[in-house]
Amino acid sequence: MTDVFVYTTPNDERSQPLIEALIIEYETRYGNFYGEPARNELSRYPAELFAASDGAFLLLIRDGQTIGGGAFKRYDEQTAELKRIWTHADLRQQGLARKVVTELEEQAARQGYTRIYLTTGFRQPEAKELYLRSGYTALFDVNADPEVYRHLPFEKDISALAAQLSKVPASVSSDRNLLRQAG
């Protein structure tokens, strides 16, 4: 059993399990809370926003099957915004989401970003805990009822990681953009 990271696009057919599962997940957790179907939210951002050099779209593949993934897009000149973090429902609680987040942070740093921003929904307590355990700073009162906020914003300074990864030779860095064994 080998896990690999593949950088691709939301239009790649291997991305469809991630996108379809996110739609089901959002519809199950939120229903019509936000006044639009989950599919609309997921299609709000064109695939080009997740393309290099401003963004990235990552799949975690195991034995030919998509088991996780995520993406980032430019938020501002220094900041990448994480989006679409997902792991297969049958494989949760195994650290896969953390691997995806770590890989996206490293890729954002390789692309010159020094800060990560993200939001997660108030009905996703496991995501909130993942980001807190992963060194993100909550930009909301973690002791308040999360429903008050609707969207829970987080940030993380990755300037030290960006400085460290800027020392990696360009040939090594660019090779890692396409396919990389997931540690």
Protein backbone atom coordinates (compact mmCIF):
# COMPACT_ATOMS: atom_id res chain seq x y z
CA MET A 1 0.00 0.00 0.00
CA THR A 2 1.67 3.18 -1.26
CA ASP A 3 0.28 6.67 -0.89
CA VAL A 4 1.35 9.32 -3.39
CA PHE A 5 0.54 12.98 -3.79
CA VAL A 6 -0.42 14.03 -7.30
CA TYR A 7 -0.68 17.67 -8.32
CA THR A 8 -3.40 18.06 -10.92
CA THR A 9 -6.60 20.07 -11.49
CA PRO A 10 -10.21 19.84 -10.31
CA ASN A 11 -11.02 18.77 -13.88
CA ASP A 12 -8.95 15.57 -13.60
CA GLU A 13 -11.30 12.55 -13.46
CA ARG A 14 -9.37 11.33 -10.39
CA SER A 15 -10.63 14.50 -8.64
CA GLN A 16 -14.27 13.53 -9.02
CA PRO A 17 -14.43 11.23 -5.96
CA LEU A 18 -13.16 14.14 -3.83
CA ILE A 19 -15.62 16.65 -5.31
CA GLU A 20 -18.63 14.33 -5.16
CA ALA A 21 -17.84 13.28 -1.59
CA LEU A 22 -17.47 16.93 -0.53
CA ILE A 23 -20.89 17.70 -2.01
CA ILE A 24 -22.45 14.85 -0.02
CA GLU A 25 -20.56 15.89 3.12
CA TYR A 26 -21.66 19.53 2.87
CA GLU A 27 -25.26 18.63 2.05
CA THR A 28 -25.40 16.20 4.99
CA ARG A 29 -23.93 18.67 7.47
CA TYR A 30 -25.50 21.91 6.27
CA GLY A 31 -28.51 21.04 4.12
CA ASN A 32 -29.86 24.32 2.81
CA PHE A 33 -28.42 26.40 5.67
CA TYR A 34 -26.47 28.70 3.34
CA GLY A 35 -29.36 29.02 0.88
CA GLU A 36 -27.71 27.26 -2.02
CA PRO A 37 -26.78 23.69 -2.94
CA ALA A 38 -23.29 22.51 -2.00
CA ARG A 39 -22.50 21.95 -5.68
CA ASN A 40 -22.83 25.72 -6.24
CA GLU A 41 -20.33 26.47 -3.49
CA LEU A 42 -17.84 23.97 -4.89
CA SER A 43 -18.14 25.36 -8.40
CA ARG A 44 -17.83 28.98 -7.25
CA TYR A 45 -14.09 29.01 -7.96
CA PRO A 46 -12.83 28.20 -11.46
CA ALA A 47 -10.16 25.50 -11.77
CA GLU A 48 -7.64 28.11 -12.95
CA LEU A 49 -7.47 29.59 -9.44
CA PHE A 50 -5.92 26.33 -8.23
CA ALA A 51 -3.26 26.21 -10.94
CA ALA A 52 0.43 27.00 -10.43
CA SER A 53 1.92 29.53 -9.87
CA ASP A 54 -0.82 31.05 -7.72
CA GLY A 55 -2.40 27.84 -6.47
CA ALA A 56 -2.29 24.06 -6.34
CA PHE A 57 -4.73 21.17 -6.44
CA LEU A 58 -3.57 18.01 -4.71
CA LEU A 59 -4.85 14.46 -4.63
CA LEU A 60 -3.74 11.73 -2.24
CA ILE A 61 -3.82 8.48 -4.19
CA ARG A 62 -3.54 4.97 -2.74
CA ASP A 63 -3.36 1.98 -5.04
CA GLY A 64 -4.93 3.98 -7.87
CA GLN A 65 -7.82 5.33 -5.74
CA THR A 66 -8.32 8.92 -4.60
CA ILE A 67 -8.40 8.81 -0.80
CA GLY A 68 -7.84 12.47 0.03
CA GLY A 69 -6.93 15.85 -1.28
CA GLY A 70 -7.08 19.57 -1.00
CA ALA A 71 -6.12 22.78 -2.71
CA PHE A 72 -5.04 26.34 -2.25
CA LYS A 73 -5.48 29.54 -4.17
CA ARG A 74 -3.97 33.00 -3.86
CA TYR A 75 -5.61 35.04 -1.09
CA ASP A 76 -3.16 37.94 -1.35
CA GLU A 77 0.52 38.38 -2.29
CA GLN A 78 1.79 36.65 0.87
CA THR A 79 -1.14 34.38 1.66
CA ALA A 80 -2.43 31.10 0.23
CA GLU A 81 -6.00 30.11 1.11
CA LEU A 82 -6.56 26.40 1.75
CA LYS A 83 -9.71 24.91 0.23
CA ARG A 84 -11.34 21.49 -0.23
CA ILE A 85 -9.43 19.50 2.42
CA TRP A 86 -10.97 16.03 2.32
CA THR A 87 -10.28 12.39 3.19
CA HIS A 88 -12.35 9.36 2.30
CA ALA A 89 -14.99 8.78 4.99
CA ASP A 90 -13.87 5.18 5.55
CA LEU A 91 -10.25 6.24 6.14
CA ARG A 92 -10.66 9.06 8.64
CA GLN A 93 -8.83 9.25 11.96
CA GLN A 94 -5.65 7.90 10.32
CA GLY A 95 -3.77 11.20 9.93
CA LEU A 96 -4.45 11.52 6.20
CA ALA A 97 -5.94 15.01 6.43
CA ARG A 98 -2.90 16.14 8.40
CA LYS A 99 -0.64 14.76 5.63
CA VAL A 100 -2.64 16.67 3.03
CA VAL A 101 -2.49 19.90 5.04
CA THR A 102 1.27 19.51 5.59
CA GLU A 103 1.90 18.89 1.91
CA LEU A 104 -0.21 21.92 0.93
CA GLU A 105 1.65 24.10 3.44
CA GLU A 106 4.98 22.95 2.00
CA GLN A 107 3.82 23.56 -1.56
CA ALA A 108 2.53 27.01 -0.67
CA ALA A 109 5.91 27.77 0.91
CA ARG A 110 7.71 26.49 -2.22
CA GLN A 111 5.54 28.85 -4.26
CA GLY A 112 6.65 31.80 -2.11
CA TYR A 113 3.74 32.20 0.29
CA THR A 114 4.53 33.05 3.93
CA ARG A 115 1.04 32.75 5.41
CA ILE A 116 -1.91 30.37 5.14
CA TYR A 117 -5.52 31.40 5.62
CA LEU A 118 -8.57 29.13 5.63
CA THR A 119 -12.12 28.86 6.82
CA THR A 120 -14.07 25.81 7.81
CA GLY A 121 -17.74 25.40 8.55
CA PHE A 122 -19.17 25.54 12.05
CA ARG A 123 -20.56 22.00 11.73
CA GLN A 124 -17.14 20.48 11.11
CA PRO A 125 -15.65 20.14 14.61
CA GLU A 126 -13.05 17.61 13.45
CA ALA A 127 -11.71 20.13 10.92
CA LYS A 128 -11.57 22.82 13.62
CA GLU A 129 -9.56 20.46 15.82
CA LEU A 130 -7.26 19.44 12.95
CA TYR A 131 -6.30 23.06 12.31
CA LEU A 132 -5.83 23.87 15.99
CA ARG A 133 -3.62 20.77 16.44
CA SER A 134 -1.71 21.73 13.28
CA GLY A 135 -0.55 25.07 14.64
CA TYR A 136 -3.20 27.33 13.16
CA THR A 137 -4.41 30.36 15.06
CA ALA A 138 -8.19 30.66 15.35
CA LEU A 139 -9.41 34.09 14.27
CA PHE A 140 -12.55 33.65 16.37
CA ASP A 141 -13.36 32.86 20.00
CA VAL A 142 -12.92 29.08 20.26
CA ASN A 143 -15.04 29.06 23.42
CA ALA A 144 -18.08 30.63 21.74
CA ASP A 145 -20.82 28.65 20.02
CA PRO A 146 -19.36 28.12 16.51
CA GLU A 147 -22.78 28.60 14.90
CA VAL A 148 -22.52 32.29 15.81
CA TYR A 149 -19.70 32.60 13.27
CA ARG A 150 -20.98 30.30 10.49
CA HIS A 151 -17.45 30.23 9.00
CA LEU A 152 -14.48 29.62 11.27
CA PRO A 153 -11.34 31.44 10.01
CA PHE A 154 -7.79 30.36 10.80
CA GLU A 155 -4.31 31.53 9.88
CA LYS A 156 -0.79 30.19 10.10
CA ASP A 157 2.57 31.87 9.61
CA ILE A 158 4.71 29.68 7.33
CA SER A 159 7.52 32.19 6.77
CA ALA A 160 10.11 29.96 8.47
CA LEU A 161 9.02 27.01 6.30
CA ALA A 162 9.20 29.21 3.18
CA ALA A 163 12.73 30.30 4.11
CA GLN A 164 13.77 26.69 4.71
CA LEU A 165 12.26 25.41 1.46
CA SER A 166 13.67 28.28 -0.60
CA LYS A 167 17.06 26.61 -0.05
CA VAL A 168 15.91 23.45 -1.89
CA PRO A 169 17.36 23.36 -5.42
CA ALA A 170 14.78 24.31 -8.05
CA SER A 171 15.02 20.94 -9.83
CA VAL A 172 14.11 19.07 -6.65
CA SER A 173 11.31 21.50 -5.87
CA SER A 174 9.73 21.33 -9.32
CA ASP A 175 9.86 17.53 -9.41
CA ARG A 176 7.92 17.45 -6.13
CA ASN A 177 5.12 19.51 -7.69
CA LEU A 178 3.97 16.64 -9.86
CA LEU A 179 4.19 13.41 -7.93
CA ARG A 180 5.55 12.68 -4.46
CA GLN A 181 5.37 9.78 -2.09
CA ALA A 182 3.23 10.65 0.90
CA GLY A 183 5.16 10.15 4.11
